[in-house]
C-alpha cells in the first residue's frame, strides 16, 4: 500500500515543482505606472490595450511594451533568426503553452532579424498599430513595426507596472 501511495504521490510532487519552477509572471492585468522621465517612449501595459483605439495618440508614436517572445504563427524553436515574432503577456509553462488570443498578442516586426528566444521576457519599442476590420481569432489584433528589442528582468515588472 505504501508503495502505491509513493508511486502516485512522488510524480505529482515532482510535476508540481516543475510547473512552479517554470511559471513566469502574468502581465495581462498589470497597468503601466506613470512614465519614468528618462524614457522618451510611452510605456503601455497589456491591460491598456483594450481601452486604446486607432484614433488615440498612442498609435502615432513609439511605445514600449514588456512581454514574452513567442514564435510567429507556426511553431518555432529557439535560435533561428526571424523577422517577425509574437509578443504575449503570459508565457505559459512546461505543460501548458501560452494563450494566443488576438486581443492579447502583438505581431512584432523588428528593424532587423533577431534570434528567437522562446518565452523570454523582453522590452519591445516600436510603432504600435491596431488592425482594423474583422480579424481572425488566431491573428494578432496589434502590430508593432520598426521594433527594437532589449532583454528584461523580472525586477523591472514592479518598477514599471502595478496591479489594478
Foldseek 3Di string as FASTA:
>chain_A
DVVVCCVPPVVVVVVVVQQVVFFDDQQQQWAWDPDDVVDPAAEGGNVCLVVDDQVDPLQVDKHKYKFFWAADLDHDDWFDWDQKTKGFRTQHGDVGGDDQFQSGIEIEGEPGTDTGDGGFIKMKIFRKGADDDDDDGRHHRMYGYNIDIDGDDSVVCVVTIDGD
